């Protein structure tokens, strides 16, 4: 999902392109109902982690 991110102009990651994520799930023969239920939860955790990493990187650079 690296190239399928929604990013704010300031650089913060807002989320995934869930349409692309569901298309990927379909291509991998993952049950789409399960994917639709789980992807938003996984997306939220991933976005939090990515933004925390981004902030930590900026803090090191400006430290």
C-alpha atoms as a PDB file:
ATOM      1  CA  UNK A   1       0.000   0.000   0.000  1.00  0.00           C
ATOM      2  CA  UNK A   2       3.036   2.256  -0.125  1.00  0.00           C
ATOM      3  CA  UNK A   3       1.913   4.193  -3.192  1.00  0.00           C
ATOM      4  CA  UNK A   4      -1.745   4.337  -2.207  1.00  0.00           C
ATOM      5  CA  UNK A   5      -1.633   6.909   0.582  1.00  0.00           C
ATOM      6  CA  UNK A   6      -3.676  10.069   1.077  1.00  0.00           C
ATOM      7  CA  UNK A   7      -1.227  12.739   2.226  1.00  0.00           C
ATOM      8  CA  UNK A   8      -1.923  16.278   3.457  1.00  0.00           C
ATOM      9  CA  UNK A   9       0.005  19.175   1.898  1.00  0.00           C
ATOM     10  CA  UNK A  10       2.040  19.510   5.114  1.00  0.00           C
ATOM     11  CA  UNK A  11       3.138  15.877   4.777  1.00  0.00           C
ATOM     12  CA  UNK A  12       0.917  14.190   7.361  1.00  0.00           C
ATOM     13  CA  UNK A  13      -0.523  10.868   6.252  1.00  0.00           C
ATOM     14  CA  UNK A  14      -4.323  10.950   6.288  1.00  0.00           C
ATOM     15  CA  UNK A  15      -5.116   7.406   5.257  1.00  0.00           C
ATOM     16  CA  UNK A  16      -5.040   4.725   2.604  1.00  0.00           C
ATOM     17  CA  UNK A  17      -6.893   4.573  -0.661  1.00  0.00           C
ATOM     18  CA  UNK A  18      -9.345   1.935   0.570  1.00  0.00           C
ATOM     19  CA  UNK A  19     -10.683   1.346  -2.938  1.00  0.00           C
ATOM     20  CA  UNK A  20      -7.195   0.250  -3.952  1.00  0.00           C
ATOM     21  CA  UNK A  21      -6.888  -1.845  -0.787  1.00  0.00           C
ATOM     22  CA  UNK A  22     -10.164  -3.629  -1.530  1.00  0.00           C
ATOM     23  CA  UNK A  23      -9.089  -4.207  -5.143  1.00  0.00           C
ATOM     24  CA  UNK A  24      -5.856  -5.725  -3.844  1.00  0.00           C
ATOM     25  CA  UNK A  25      -7.831  -7.908  -1.425  1.00  0.00           C
ATOM     26  CA  UNK A  26     -10.032  -9.099  -4.293  1.00  0.00           C
ATOM     27  CA  UNK A  27      -6.983  -9.873  -6.437  1.00  0.00           C
ATOM     28  CA  UNK A  28      -5.573 -11.937  -3.576  1.00  0.00           C
ATOM     29  CA  UNK A  29      -8.887 -13.788  -3.166  1.00  0.00           C
ATOM     30  CA  UNK A  30      -9.457 -12.367   0.316  1.00  0.00           C
ATOM     31  CA  UNK A  31     -13.088 -12.359   1.443  1.00  0.00           C
ATOM     32  CA  UNK A  32     -14.224  -8.781   0.685  1.00  0.00           C
ATOM     33  CA  UNK A  33     -16.665  -8.627   3.601  1.00  0.00           C
ATOM     34  CA  UNK A  34     -13.870  -9.447   6.020  1.00  0.00           C
ATOM     35  CA  UNK A  35     -11.514  -7.013   4.263  1.00  0.00           C
ATOM     36  CA  UNK A  36     -14.134  -4.238   4.411  1.00  0.00           C
ATOM     37  CA  UNK A  37     -14.561  -4.823   8.150  1.00  0.00           C
ATOM     38  CA  UNK A  38     -10.869  -5.048   9.015  1.00  0.00           C
ATOM     39  CA  UNK A  39      -9.183  -2.584   6.670  1.00  0.00           C
ATOM     40  CA  UNK A  40     -10.410   0.604   8.418  1.00  0.00           C
ATOM     41  CA  UNK A  41      -9.119  -0.673  11.772  1.00  0.00           C
ATOM     42  CA  UNK A  42      -5.776  -1.692  10.269  1.00  0.00           C
ATOM     43  CA  UNK A  43      -5.589   1.604   8.365  1.00  0.00           C
ATOM     44  CA  UNK A  44      -6.109   3.648  11.543  1.00  0.00           C
ATOM     45  CA  UNK A  45      -3.321   1.819  13.391  1.00  0.00           C
ATOM     46  CA  UNK A  46      -0.953   2.046  10.414  1.00  0.00           C
ATOM     47  CA  UNK A  47      -1.610   5.770   9.897  1.00  0.00           C
ATOM     48  CA  UNK A  48      -1.003   6.491  13.590  1.00  0.00           C
ATOM     49  CA  UNK A  49       2.285   4.588  13.455  1.00  0.00           C
ATOM     50  CA  UNK A  50       3.433   6.221  10.222  1.00  0.00           C
ATOM     51  CA  UNK A  51       2.645   9.714  11.531  1.00  0.00           C
ATOM     52  CA  UNK A  52       4.439   9.010  14.812  1.00  0.00           C
ATOM     53  CA  UNK A  53       7.489   7.862  12.863  1.00  0.00           C
ATOM     54  CA  UNK A  54       7.287  10.950  10.656  1.00  0.00           C
ATOM     55  CA  UNK A  55       7.091  13.257  13.692  1.00  0.00           C
ATOM     56  CA  UNK A  56      10.005  11.502  15.381  1.00  0.00           C
ATOM     57  CA  UNK A  57      12.052  11.884  12.208  1.00  0.00           C
ATOM     58  CA  UNK A  58      11.237  15.593  12.024  1.00  0.00           C
ATOM     59  CA  UNK A  59      12.144  16.036  15.704  1.00  0.00           C
ATOM     60  CA  UNK A  60      15.550  14.384  15.110  1.00  0.00           C
ATOM     61  CA  UNK A  61      16.172  16.592  12.084  1.00  0.00           C
ATOM     62  CA  UNK A  62      15.250  19.773  13.976  1.00  0.00           C
ATOM     63  CA  UNK A  63      16.729  18.698  17.311  1.00  0.00           C
END
